[in-house]
Amino acid sequence: SESSAIATFVITGGAGVLFAIGGTGKQVGSITWNQFIGAADLLLGLMFVLGVVFPIWNSTSPYESSIQPFLAVAAIGGGASLMFIGIDWVRGGHYFDVSSYEPGPILSRG
């Protein structure tokens, strides 16, 4: 539907902006670069999960949805793992060490 296309565009665009800001390596206020990247990951993961859940939820019969069960499980699993990574990066990288990322041509700290 048109509303899901608009939501997908807004979420993807928002994630892209957050990735671009985070890629500079700068801190904006109290928000660090890894928190921007984590929020972008969280948005993209949420988009994958909702992109599967809403069509299944809105169908009147289990056979009406065009989503195949294997693809639904893969999309939900991939989206959930991306959301987990995003949450971890926002929290500072307890499971994924964000301090190990070296500055590159775009990412410059300090």
PDB file of N, CA and C in Angstrom:
ATOM      1  N   SER A   1       0.825  -1.186   0.000  1.00  0.00           N
ATOM      2  CA  SER A   1       0.000   0.000   0.000  1.00  0.00           C
ATOM      3  C   SER A   1       0.869   1.249   0.000  1.00  0.00           C
ATOM      4  N   GLU A   2       0.226   2.363  -0.210  1.00  0.00           N
ATOM      5  CA  GLU A   2       0.966   3.620  -0.286  1.00  0.00           C
ATOM      6  C   GLU A   2       1.564   4.013   1.061  1.00  0.00           C
ATOM      7  N   SER A   3       0.848   3.746   2.139  1.00  0.00           N
ATOM      8  CA  SER A   3       1.365   4.125   3.460  1.00  0.00           C
ATOM      9  C   SER A   3       2.600   3.305   3.841  1.00  0.00           C
ATOM     10  N   SER A   4       2.634   2.024   3.466  1.00  0.00           N
ATOM     11  CA  SER A   4       3.823   1.229   3.776  1.00  0.00           C
ATOM     12  C   SER A   4       5.004   1.659   2.920  1.00  0.00           C
ATOM     13  N   ALA A   5       4.750   2.093   1.689  1.00  0.00           N
ATOM     14  CA  ALA A   5       5.834   2.594   0.837  1.00  0.00           C
ATOM     15  C   ALA A   5       6.409   3.889   1.400  1.00  0.00           C
ATOM     16  N   ILE A   6       5.539   4.747   1.903  1.00  0.00           N
ATOM     17  CA  ILE A   6       5.999   6.003   2.511  1.00  0.00           C
ATOM     18  C   ILE A   6       6.796   5.715   3.779  1.00  0.00           C
ATOM     19  N   ALA A   7       6.298   4.797   4.607  1.00  0.00           N
ATOM     20  CA  ALA A   7       7.008   4.440   5.840  1.00  0.00           C
ATOM     21  C   ALA A   7       8.374   3.847   5.527  1.00  0.00           C
ATOM     22  N   THR A   8       8.439   2.983   4.515  1.00  0.00           N
ATOM     23  CA  THR A   8       9.718   2.397   4.111  1.00  0.00           C
ATOM     24  C   THR A   8      10.682   3.475   3.644  1.00  0.00           C
ATOM     25  N   PHE A   9      10.200   4.416   2.865  1.00  0.00           N
ATOM     26  CA  PHE A   9      11.033   5.515   2.379  1.00  0.00           C
ATOM     27  C   PHE A   9      11.556   6.361   3.537  1.00  0.00           C
ATOM     28  N   VAL A  10      10.692   6.690   4.483  1.00  0.00           N
ATOM     29  CA  VAL A  10      11.086   7.530   5.621  1.00  0.00           C
ATOM     30  C   VAL A  10      12.100   6.808   6.508  1.00  0.00           C
ATOM     31  N   ILE A  11      11.838   5.515   6.792  1.00  0.00           N
ATOM     32  CA  ILE A  11      12.755   4.754   7.655  1.00  0.00           C
ATOM     33  C   ILE A  11      14.113   4.581   6.980  1.00  0.00           C
ATOM     34  N   THR A  12      14.099   4.222   5.700  1.00  0.00           N
ATOM     35  CA  THR A  12      15.358   4.044   4.978  1.00  0.00           C
ATOM     36  C   THR A  12      16.121   5.360   4.852  1.00  0.00           C
ATOM     37  N   GLY A  13      15.404   6.434   4.545  1.00  0.00           N
ATOM     38  CA  GLY A  13      16.047   7.747   4.455  1.00  0.00           C
ATOM     39  C   GLY A  13      16.610   8.194   5.785  1.00  0.00           C
ATOM     40  N   GLY A  14      15.849   7.985   6.859  1.00  0.00           N
ATOM     41  CA  GLY A  14      16.333   8.335   8.198  1.00  0.00           C
ATOM     42  C   GLY A  14      17.573   7.550   8.573  1.00  0.00           C
ATOM     43  N   ALA A  15      17.565   6.252   8.265  1.00  0.00           N
ATOM     44  CA  ALA A  15      18.745   5.424   8.550  1.00  0.00           C
ATOM     45  C   ALA A  15      19.943   5.913   7.746  1.00  0.00           C
ATOM     46  N   GLY A  16      19.721   6.276   6.502  1.00  0.00           N
ATOM     47  CA  GLY A  16      20.816   6.790   5.668  1.00  0.00           C
ATOM     48  C   GLY A  16      21.422   8.059   6.232  1.00  0.00           C
ATOM     49  N   VAL A  17      20.575   8.957   6.699  1.00  0.00           N
ATOM     50  CA  VAL A  17      21.070  10.201   7.312  1.00  0.00           C
ATOM     51  C   VAL A  17      21.867   9.885   8.578  1.00  0.00           C
ATOM     52  N   LEU A  18      21.348   8.961   9.397  1.00  0.00           N
ATOM     53  CA  LEU A  18      22.067   8.587  10.620  1.00  0.00           C
ATOM     54  C   LEU A  18      23.412   7.929  10.299  1.00  0.00           C
ATOM     55  N   PHE A  19      23.446   7.073   9.262  1.00  0.00           N
ATOM     56  CA  PHE A  19      24.717   6.470   8.845  1.00  0.00           C
ATOM     57  C   PHE A  19      25.701   7.548   8.385  1.00  0.00           C
ATOM     58  N   ALA A  20      25.216   8.526   7.635  1.00  0.00           N
ATOM     59  CA  ALA A  20      26.096   9.594   7.144  1.00  0.00           C
ATOM     60  C   ALA A  20      26.658  10.421   8.295  1.00  0.00           C
ATOM     61  N   ILE A  21      25.817  10.758   9.251  1.00  0.00           N
ATOM     62  CA  ILE A  21      26.291  11.528  10.411  1.00  0.00           C
ATOM     63  C   ILE A  21      27.280  10.698  11.224  1.00  0.00           C
ATOM     64  N   GLY A  22      26.935   9.441  11.477  1.00  0.00           N
ATOM     65  CA  GLY A  22      27.828   8.569  12.242  1.00  0.00           C
ATOM     66  C   GLY A  22      29.142   8.313  11.538  1.00  0.00           C
ATOM     67  N   GLY A  23      29.110   8.296  10.214  1.00  0.00           N
ATOM     68  CA  GLY A  23      30.323   8.050   9.439  1.00  0.00           C
ATOM     69  C   GLY A  23      31.349   9.163   9.526  1.00  0.00           C
ATOM     70  N   THR A  24      30.931  10.325   9.967  1.00  0.00           N
ATOM     71  CA  THR A  24      31.901  11.415  10.122  1.00  0.00           C
ATOM     72  C   THR A  24      32.760  11.243  11.359  1.00  0.00           C
ATOM     73  N   GLY A  25      32.277  10.443  12.311  1.00  0.00           N
ATOM     74  CA  GLY A  25      33.038  10.226  13.540  1.00  0.00           C
ATOM     75  C   GLY A  25      32.921  11.351  14.534  1.00  0.00           C
ATOM     76  N   LYS A  26      32.085  12.318  14.254  1.00  0.00           N
ATOM     77  CA  LYS A  26      31.924  13.462  15.154  1.00  0.00           C
ATOM     78  C   LYS A  26      30.869  13.181  16.208  1.00  0.00           C
ATOM     79  N   GLN A  27      30.944  13.905  17.294  1.00  0.00           N
ATOM     80  CA  GLN A  27      29.952  13.844  18.351  1.00  0.00           C
ATOM     81  C   GLN A  27      29.051  15.056  18.209  1.00  0.00           C
ATOM     82  N   VAL A  28      27.738  14.836  18.241  1.00  0.00           N
ATOM     83  CA  VAL A  28      26.770  15.930  18.148  1.00  0.00           C
ATOM     84  C   VAL A  28      26.067  16.023  19.495  1.00  0.00           C
ATOM     85  N   GLY A  29      26.391  17.058  20.235  1.00  0.00           N
ATOM     86  CA  GLY A  29      25.875  17.160  21.593  1.00  0.00           C
ATOM     87  C   GLY A  29      26.456  16.035  22.432  1.00  0.00           C
ATOM     88  N   SER A  30      25.578  15.250  23.028  1.00  0.00           N
ATOM     89  CA  SER A  30      26.050  14.113  23.824  1.00  0.00           C
ATOM     90  C   SER A  30      25.950  12.795  23.053  1.00  0.00           C
ATOM     91  N   ILE A  31      25.584  12.865  21.766  1.00  0.00           N
ATOM     92  CA  ILE A  31      25.408  11.654  20.950  1.00  0.00           C
ATOM     93  C   ILE A  31      26.697  11.375  20.184  1.00  0.00           C
ATOM     94  N   THR A  32      27.274  10.191  20.404  1.00  0.00           N
ATOM     95  CA  THR A  32      28.533   9.813  19.752  1.00  0.00           C
ATOM     96  C   THR A  32      28.256   9.156  18.402  1.00  0.00           C
ATOM     97  N   TRP A  33      29.320   9.002  17.600  1.00  0.00           N
ATOM     98  CA  TRP A  33      29.177   8.453  16.252  1.00  0.00           C
ATOM     99  C   TRP A  33      28.581   7.054  16.288  1.00  0.00           C
ATOM    100  N   ASN A  34      28.997   6.220  17.251  1.00  0.00           N
ATOM    101  CA  ASN A  34      28.501   4.847  17.292  1.00  0.00           C
ATOM    102  C   ASN A  34      27.017   4.801  17.648  1.00  0.00           C
ATOM    103  N   GLN A  35      26.516   5.801  18.357  1.00  0.00           N
ATOM    104  CA  GLN A  35      25.087   5.837  18.661  1.00  0.00           C
ATOM    105  C   GLN A  35      24.263   6.174  17.422  1.00  0.00           C
ATOM    106  N   PHE A  36      24.802   7.020  16.544  1.00  0.00           N
ATOM    107  CA  PHE A  36      24.127   7.283  15.275  1.00  0.00           C
ATOM    108  C   PHE A  36      24.070   6.009  14.424  1.00  0.00           C
ATOM    109  N   ILE A  37      25.195   5.303  14.345  1.00  0.00           N
ATOM    110  CA  ILE A  37      25.251   4.058  13.569  1.00  0.00           C
ATOM    111  C   ILE A  37      24.311   3.023  14.171  1.00  0.00           C
ATOM    112  N   GLY A  38      24.304   2.898  15.480  1.00  0.00           N
ATOM    113  CA  GLY A  38      23.423   1.948  16.149  1.00  0.00           C
ATOM    114  C   GLY A  38      21.953   2.252  15.907  1.00  0.00           C
ATOM    115  N   ALA A  39      21.593   3.528  15.957  1.00  0.00           N
ATOM    116  CA  ALA A  39      20.201   3.913  15.702  1.00  0.00           C
ATOM    117  C   ALA A  39      19.809   3.596  14.255  1.00  0.00           C
ATOM    118  N   ALA A  40      20.737   3.787  13.322  1.00  0.00           N
ATOM    119  CA  ALA A  40      20.466   3.458  11.929  1.00  0.00           C
ATOM    120  C   ALA A  40      20.276   1.958  11.753  1.00  0.00           C
ATOM    121  N   ASP A  41      21.126   1.158  12.386  1.00  0.00           N
ATOM    122  CA  ASP A  41      20.964  -0.301  12.344  1.00  0.00           C
ATOM    123  C   ASP A  41      19.622  -0.716  12.929  1.00  0.00           C
ATOM    124  N   LEU A  42      19.260  -0.102  14.028  1.00  0.00           N
ATOM    125  CA  LEU A  42      17.983  -0.400  14.673  1.00  0.00           C
ATOM    126  C   LEU A  42      16.811  -0.098  13.744  1.00  0.00           C
ATOM    127  N   LEU A  43      16.851   1.044  13.069  1.00  0.00           N
ATOM    128  CA  LEU A  43      15.789   1.397  12.128  1.00  0.00           C
ATOM    129  C   LEU A  43      15.692   0.402  10.971  1.00  0.00           C
ATOM    130  N   LEU A  44      16.836   0.028  10.402  1.00  0.00           N
ATOM    131  CA  LEU A  44      16.802  -0.920   9.282  1.00  0.00           C
ATOM    132  C   LEU A  44      16.311  -2.288   9.721  1.00  0.00           C
ATOM    133  N   GLY A  45      16.739  -2.738  10.882  1.00  0.00           N
ATOM    134  CA  GLY A  45      16.254  -4.016  11.399  1.00  0.00           C
ATOM    135  C   GLY A  45      14.757  -3.987  11.650  1.00  0.00           C
ATOM    136  N   LEU A  46      14.275  -2.890  12.202  1.00  0.00           N
ATOM    137  CA  LEU A  46      12.849  -2.727  12.436  1.00  0.00           C
ATOM    138  C   LEU A  46      12.074  -2.754  11.118  1.00  0.00           C
ATOM    139  N   MET A  47      12.630  -2.129  10.087  1.00  0.00           N
ATOM    140  CA  MET A  47      11.969  -2.123   8.783  1.00  0.00           C
ATOM    141  C   MET A  47      11.838  -3.542   8.227  1.00  0.00           C
ATOM    142  N   PHE A  48      12.896  -4.359   8.356  1.00  0.00           N
ATOM    143  CA  PHE A  48      12.827  -5.746   7.882  1.00  0.00           C
ATOM    144  C   PHE A  48      11.757  -6.532   8.635  1.00  0.00           C
ATOM    145  N   VAL A  49      11.733  -6.384   9.951  1.00  0.00           N
ATOM    146  CA  VAL A  49      10.766  -7.134  10.759  1.00  0.00           C
ATOM    147  C   VAL A  49       9.337  -6.689  10.443  1.00  0.00           C
ATOM    148  N   LEU A  50       9.100  -5.392  10.430  1.00  0.00           N
ATOM    149  CA  LEU A  50       7.751  -4.897  10.160  1.00  0.00           C
ATOM    150  C   LEU A  50       7.302  -5.194   8.735  1.00  0.00           C
ATOM    151  N   GLY A  51       8.251  -5.233   7.809  1.00  0.00           N
ATOM    152  CA  GLY A  51       7.925  -5.550   6.425  1.00  0.00           C
ATOM    153  C   GLY A  51       7.392  -6.955   6.248  1.00  0.00           C
ATOM    154  N   VAL A  52       7.668  -7.818   7.200  1.00  0.00           N
ATOM    155  CA  VAL A  52       7.155  -9.185   7.172  1.00  0.00           C
ATOM    156  C   VAL A  52       5.924  -9.320   8.067  1.00  0.00           C
ATOM    157  N   VAL A  53       5.978  -8.708   9.234  1.00  0.00           N
ATOM    158  CA  VAL A  53       4.911  -8.882  10.215  1.00  0.00           C
ATOM    159  C   VAL A  53       3.603  -8.237   9.752  1.00  0.00           C
ATOM    160  N   PHE A  54       3.659  -7.023   9.240  1.00  0.00           N
ATOM    161  CA  PHE A  54       2.421  -6.343   8.856  1.00  0.00           C
ATOM    162  C   PHE A  54       1.646  -7.048   7.743  1.00  0.00           C
ATOM    163  N   PRO A  55       2.297  -7.498   6.661  1.00  0.00           N
ATOM    164  CA  PRO A  55       1.511  -8.219   5.649  1.00  0.00           C
ATOM    165  C   PRO A  55       0.877  -9.501   6.190  1.00  0.00           C
ATOM    166  N   ILE A  56       1.574 -10.205   7.069  1.00  0.00           N
ATOM    167  CA  ILE A  56       1.006 -11.420   7.659  1.00  0.00           C
ATOM    168  C   ILE A  56      -0.145 -11.037   8.595  1.00  0.00           C
ATOM    169  N   TRP A  57       0.053 -10.000   9.392  1.00  0.00           N
ATOM    170  CA  TRP A  57      -0.947  -9.558  10.349  1.00  0.00           C
ATOM    171  C   TRP A  57      -2.222  -9.093   9.639  1.00  0.00           C
ATOM    172  N   ASN A  58      -2.074  -8.400   8.506  1.00  0.00           N
ATOM    173  CA  ASN A  58      -3.224  -7.831   7.798  1.00  0.00           C
ATOM    174  C   ASN A  58      -3.944  -8.819   6.897  1.00  0.00           C
ATOM    175  N   SER A  59      -3.398  -9.993   6.674  1.00  0.00           N
ATOM    176  CA  SER A  59      -4.072 -10.963   5.808  1.00  0.00           C
ATOM    177  C   SER A  59      -5.199 -11.636   6.584  1.00  0.00           C
ATOM    178  N   THR A  60      -6.272 -11.958   5.867  1.00  0.00           N
ATOM    179  CA  THR A  60      -7.435 -12.564   6.519  1.00  0.00           C
ATOM    180  C   THR A  60      -7.302 -14.078   6.642  1.00  0.00           C
ATOM    181  N   SER A  61      -6.458 -14.673   5.817  1.00  0.00           N
ATOM    182  CA  SER A  61      -6.224 -16.113   5.930  1.00  0.00           C
ATOM    183  C   SER A  61      -4.729 -16.373   5.804  1.00  0.00           C
ATOM    184  N   PRO A  62      -4.250 -17.478   6.360  1.00  0.00           N
ATOM    185  CA  PRO A  62      -2.806 -17.745   6.283  1.00  0.00           C
ATOM    186  C   PRO A  62      -2.320 -17.962   4.857  1.00  0.00           C
ATOM    187  N   TYR A  63      -3.219 -18.260   3.939  1.00  0.00           N
ATOM    188  CA  TYR A  63      -2.817 -18.522   2.551  1.00  0.00           C
ATOM    189  C   TYR A  63      -2.900 -17.275   1.680  1.00  0.00           C
ATOM    190  N   GLU A  64      -3.467 -16.198   2.230  1.00  0.00           N
ATOM    191  CA  GLU A  64      -3.629 -14.975   1.453  1.00  0.00           C
ATOM    192  C   GLU A  64      -2.324 -14.201   1.323  1.00  0.00           C
ATOM    193  N   SER A  65      -1.474 -14.271   2.339  1.00  0.00           N
ATOM    194  CA  SER A  65      -0.216 -13.536   2.320  1.00  0.00           C
ATOM    195  C   SER A  65       0.717 -14.135   1.272  1.00  0.00           C
ATOM    196  N   SER A  66       1.412 -13.268   0.566  1.00  0.00           N
ATOM    197  CA  SER A  66       2.333 -13.735  -0.475  1.00  0.00           C
ATOM    198  C   SER A  66       3.724 -14.044   0.087  1.00  0.00           C
ATOM    199  N   ILE A  67       3.902 -13.892   1.391  1.00  0.00           N
ATOM    200  CA  ILE A  67       5.209 -14.105   2.014  1.00  0.00           C
ATOM    201  C   ILE A  67       5.390 -15.590   2.306  1.00  0.00           C
ATOM    202  N   GLN A  68       6.490 -16.141   1.825  1.00  0.00           N
ATOM    203  CA  GLN A  68       6.805 -17.541   2.078  1.00  0.00           C
ATOM    204  C   GLN A  68       7.339 -17.696   3.502  1.00  0.00           C
ATOM    205  N   PRO A  69       6.983 -18.802   4.176  1.00  0.00           N
ATOM    206  CA  PRO A  69       7.410 -18.969   5.580  1.00  0.00           C
ATOM    207  C   PRO A  69       8.921 -18.901   5.785  1.00  0.00           C
ATOM    208  N   PHE A  70       9.703 -19.531   4.914  1.00  0.00           N
ATOM    209  CA  PHE A  70      11.159 -19.505   5.072  1.00  0.00           C
ATOM    210  C   PHE A  70      11.697 -18.079   4.956  1.00  0.00           C
ATOM    211  N   LEU A  71      11.193 -17.334   3.972  1.00  0.00           N
ATOM    212  CA  LEU A  71      11.653 -15.952   3.801  1.00  0.00           C
ATOM    213  C   LEU A  71      11.225 -15.078   4.972  1.00  0.00           C
ATOM    214  N   ALA A  72      10.041 -15.361   5.531  1.00  0.00           N
ATOM    215  CA  ALA A  72       9.582 -14.601   6.688  1.00  0.00           C
ATOM    216  C   ALA A  72      10.496 -14.843   7.884  1.00  0.00           C
ATOM    217  N   VAL A  73      10.851 -16.089   8.127  1.00  0.00           N
ATOM    218  CA  VAL A  73      11.743 -16.418   9.244  1.00  0.00           C
ATOM    219  C   VAL A  73      13.119 -15.784   9.032  1.00  0.00           C
ATOM    220  N   ALA A  74      13.619 -15.852   7.796  1.00  0.00           N
ATOM    221  CA  ALA A  74      14.929 -15.268   7.494  1.00  0.00           C
ATOM    222  C   ALA A  74      14.912 -13.749   7.677  1.00  0.00           C
ATOM    223  N   ALA A  75      13.861 -13.087   7.207  1.00  0.00           N
ATOM    224  CA  ALA A  75      13.781 -11.629   7.329  1.00  0.00           C
ATOM    225  C   ALA A  75      13.629 -11.205   8.786  1.00  0.00           C
ATOM    226  N   ILE A  76      12.801 -11.925   9.528  1.00  0.00           N
ATOM    227  CA  ILE A  76      12.625 -11.584  10.946  1.00  0.00           C
ATOM    228  C   ILE A  76      13.912 -11.854  11.723  1.00  0.00           C
ATOM    229  N   GLY A  77      14.568 -12.986  11.446  1.00  0.00           N
ATOM    230  CA  GLY A  77      15.838 -13.291  12.122  1.00  0.00           C
ATOM    231  C   GLY A  77      16.927 -12.293  11.780  1.00  0.00           C
ATOM    232  N   GLY A  78      17.042 -11.949  10.504  1.00  0.00           N
ATOM    233  CA  GLY A  78      18.043 -10.961  10.097  1.00  0.00           C
ATOM    234  C   GLY A  78      17.754  -9.583  10.655  1.00  0.00           C
ATOM    235  N   GLY A  79      16.482  -9.188  10.618  1.00  0.00           N
ATOM    236  CA  GLY A  79      16.103  -7.888  11.166  1.00  0.00           C
ATOM    237  C   GLY A  79      16.321  -7.815  12.663  1.00  0.00           C
ATOM    238  N   ALA A  80      15.982  -8.904  13.367  1.00  0.00           N
ATOM    239  CA  ALA A  80      16.177  -8.925  14.821  1.00  0.00           C
ATOM    240  C   ALA A  80      17.658  -8.867  15.178  1.00  0.00           C
ATOM    241  N   SER A  81      18.494  -9.564  14.416  1.00  0.00           N
ATOM    242  CA  SER A  81      19.933  -9.515  14.712  1.00  0.00           C
ATOM    243  C   SER A  81      20.500  -8.127  14.430  1.00  0.00           C
ATOM    244  N   LEU A  82      20.019  -7.472  13.376  1.00  0.00           N
ATOM    245  CA  LEU A  82      20.460  -6.104  13.081  1.00  0.00           C
ATOM    246  C   LEU A  82      20.001  -5.147  14.183  1.00  0.00           C
ATOM    247  N   MET A  83      18.794  -5.365  14.701  1.00  0.00           N
ATOM    248  CA  MET A  83      18.310  -4.540  15.800  1.00  0.00           C
ATOM    249  C   MET A  83      19.149  -4.765  17.063  1.00  0.00           C
ATOM    250  N   PHE A  84      19.539  -6.017  17.325  1.00  0.00           N
ATOM    251  CA  PHE A  84      20.385  -6.322  18.478  1.00  0.00           C
ATOM    252  C   PHE A  84      21.730  -5.604  18.364  1.00  0.00           C
ATOM    253  N   ILE A  85      22.334  -5.656  17.173  1.00  0.00           N
ATOM    254  CA  ILE A  85      23.608  -4.970  16.948  1.00  0.00           C
ATOM    255  C   ILE A  85      23.434  -3.469  17.157  1.00  0.00           C
ATOM    256  N   GLY A  86      22.346  -2.909  16.624  1.00  0.00           N
ATOM    257  CA  GLY A  86      22.092  -1.481  16.777  1.00  0.00           C
ATOM    258  C   GLY A  86      21.945  -1.070  18.228  1.00  0.00           C
ATOM    259  N   ILE A  87      21.186  -1.860  18.988  1.00  0.00           N
ATOM    260  CA  ILE A  87      21.009  -1.553  20.415  1.00  0.00           C
ATOM    261  C   ILE A  87      22.349  -1.623  21.145  1.00  0.00           C
ATOM    262  N   ASP A  88      23.158  -2.621  20.796  1.00  0.00           N
ATOM    263  CA  ASP A  88      24.462  -2.748  21.438  1.00  0.00           C
ATOM    264  C   ASP A  88      25.357  -1.554  21.110  1.00  0.00           C
ATOM    265  N   TRP A  89      25.341  -1.102  19.863  1.00  0.00           N
ATOM    266  CA  TRP A  89      26.157   0.049  19.485  1.00  0.00           C
ATOM    267  C   TRP A  89      25.680   1.321  20.174  1.00  0.00           C
ATOM    268  N   VAL A  90      24.381   1.486  20.328  1.00  0.00           N
ATOM    269  CA  VAL A  90      23.861   2.656  21.031  1.00  0.00           C
ATOM    270  C   VAL A  90      24.322   2.636  22.488  1.00  0.00           C
ATOM    271  N   ARG A  91      24.366   1.461  23.084  1.00  0.00           N
ATOM    272  CA  ARG A  91      24.785   1.311  24.481  1.00  0.00           C
ATOM    273  C   ARG A  91      26.299   1.430  24.658  1.00  0.00           C
ATOM    274  N   GLY A  92      27.073   1.448  23.584  1.00  0.00           N
ATOM    275  CA  GLY A  92      28.515   1.614  23.703  1.00  0.00           C
ATOM    276  C   GLY A  92      29.319   0.405  23.288  1.00  0.00           C
ATOM    277  N   GLY A  93      28.682  -0.646  22.835  1.00  0.00           N
ATOM    278  CA  GLY A  93      29.404  -1.795  22.313  1.00  0.00           C
ATOM    279  C   GLY A  93      29.811  -2.811  23.345  1.00  0.00           C
ATOM    280  N   HIS A  94      28.898  -3.299  24.151  1.00  0.00           N
ATOM    281  CA  HIS A  94      29.223  -4.334  25.135  1.00  0.00           C
ATOM    282  C   HIS A  94      29.598  -5.651  24.445  1.00  0.00           C
ATOM    283  N   TYR A  95      28.854  -6.040  23.411  1.00  0.00           N
ATOM    284  CA  TYR A  95      29.118  -7.290  22.698  1.00  0.00           C
ATOM    285  C   TYR A  95      29.989  -7.080  21.466  1.00  0.00           C
ATOM    286  N   PHE A  96      29.865  -5.936  20.819  1.00  0.00           N
ATOM    287  CA  PHE A  96      30.659  -5.595  19.644  1.00  0.00           C
ATOM    288  C   PHE A  96      31.516  -4.395  20.011  1.00  0.00           C
ATOM    289  N   ASP A  97      32.811  -4.602  20.114  1.00  0.00           N
ATOM    290  CA  ASP A  97      33.732  -3.569  20.591  1.00  0.00           C
ATOM    291  C   ASP A  97      33.868  -2.457  19.555  1.00  0.00           C
ATOM    292  N   VAL A  98      33.202  -1.332  19.786  1.00  0.00           N
ATOM    293  CA  VAL A  98      33.260  -0.217  18.849  1.00  0.00           C
ATOM    294  C   VAL A  98      34.575   0.546  18.938  1.00  0.00           C
ATOM    295  N   SER A  99      35.330   0.369  20.024  1.00  0.00           N
ATOM    296  CA  SER A  99      36.601   1.085  20.159  1.00  0.00           C
ATOM    297  C   SER A  99      37.666   0.513  19.233  1.00  0.00           C
ATOM    298  N   SER A 100      37.421  -0.671  18.669  1.00  0.00           N
ATOM    299  CA  SER A 100      38.421  -1.284  17.797  1.00  0.00           C
ATOM    300  C   SER A 100      38.389  -0.717  16.378  1.00  0.00           C
ATOM    301  N   TYR A 101      37.412   0.135  16.069  1.00  0.00           N
ATOM    302  CA  TYR A 101      37.328   0.702  14.726  1.00  0.00           C
ATOM    303  C   TYR A 101      38.279   1.873  14.605  1.00  0.00           C
ATOM    304  N   GLU A 102      39.179   1.749  13.662  1.00  0.00           N
ATOM    305  CA  GLU A 102      40.184   2.786  13.445  1.00  0.00           C
ATOM    306  C   GLU A 102      39.624   3.870  12.543  1.00  0.00           C
ATOM    307  N   PRO A 103      40.098   5.099  12.714  1.00  0.00           N
ATOM    308  CA  PRO A 103      39.690   6.168  11.798  1.00  0.00           C
ATOM    309  C   PRO A 103      40.148   5.865  10.375  1.00  0.00           C
ATOM    310  N   GLY A 104      39.295   6.170   9.431  1.00  0.00           N
ATOM    311  CA  GLY A 104      39.624   5.965   8.035  1.00  0.00           C
ATOM    312  C   GLY A 104      39.531   7.285   7.286  1.00  0.00           C
ATOM    313  N   PRO A 105      39.391   7.230   5.959  1.00  0.00           N
ATOM    314  CA  PRO A 105      39.321   8.475   5.179  1.00  0.00           C
ATOM    315  C   PRO A 105      38.096   9.317   5.515  1.00  0.00           C
ATOM    316  N   ILE A 106      37.014   8.681   5.976  1.00  0.00           N
ATOM    317  CA  ILE A 106      35.817   9.447   6.347  1.00  0.00           C
ATOM    318  C   ILE A 106      35.773   9.607   7.851  1.00  0.00           C
ATOM    319  N   LEU A 107      35.985   8.522   8.575  1.00  0.00           N
ATOM    320  CA  LEU A 107      35.890   8.544  10.037  1.00  0.00           C
ATOM    321  C   LEU A 107      37.168   9.127  10.627  1.00  0.00           C
ATOM    322  N   SER A 108      37.067  10.314  11.175  1.00  0.00           N
ATOM    323  CA  SER A 108      38.231  10.935  11.809  1.00  0.00           C
ATOM    324  C   SER A 108      37.832  11.366  13.207  1.00  0.00           C
ATOM    325  N   ARG A 109      38.487  10.812  14.168  1.00  0.00           N
ATOM    326  CA  ARG A 109      38.184  11.156  15.560  1.00  0.00           C
ATOM    327  C   ARG A 109      39.048  12.316  16.020  1.00  0.00           C
ATOM    328  N   GLY A 110      38.429  13.116  16.875  1.00  0.00           N
ATOM    329  CA  GLY A 110      39.200  14.180  17.492  1.00  0.00           C
ATOM    330  C   GLY A 110      39.192  15.460  16.834  1.00  0.00           C
TER     331      GLY A 110
END
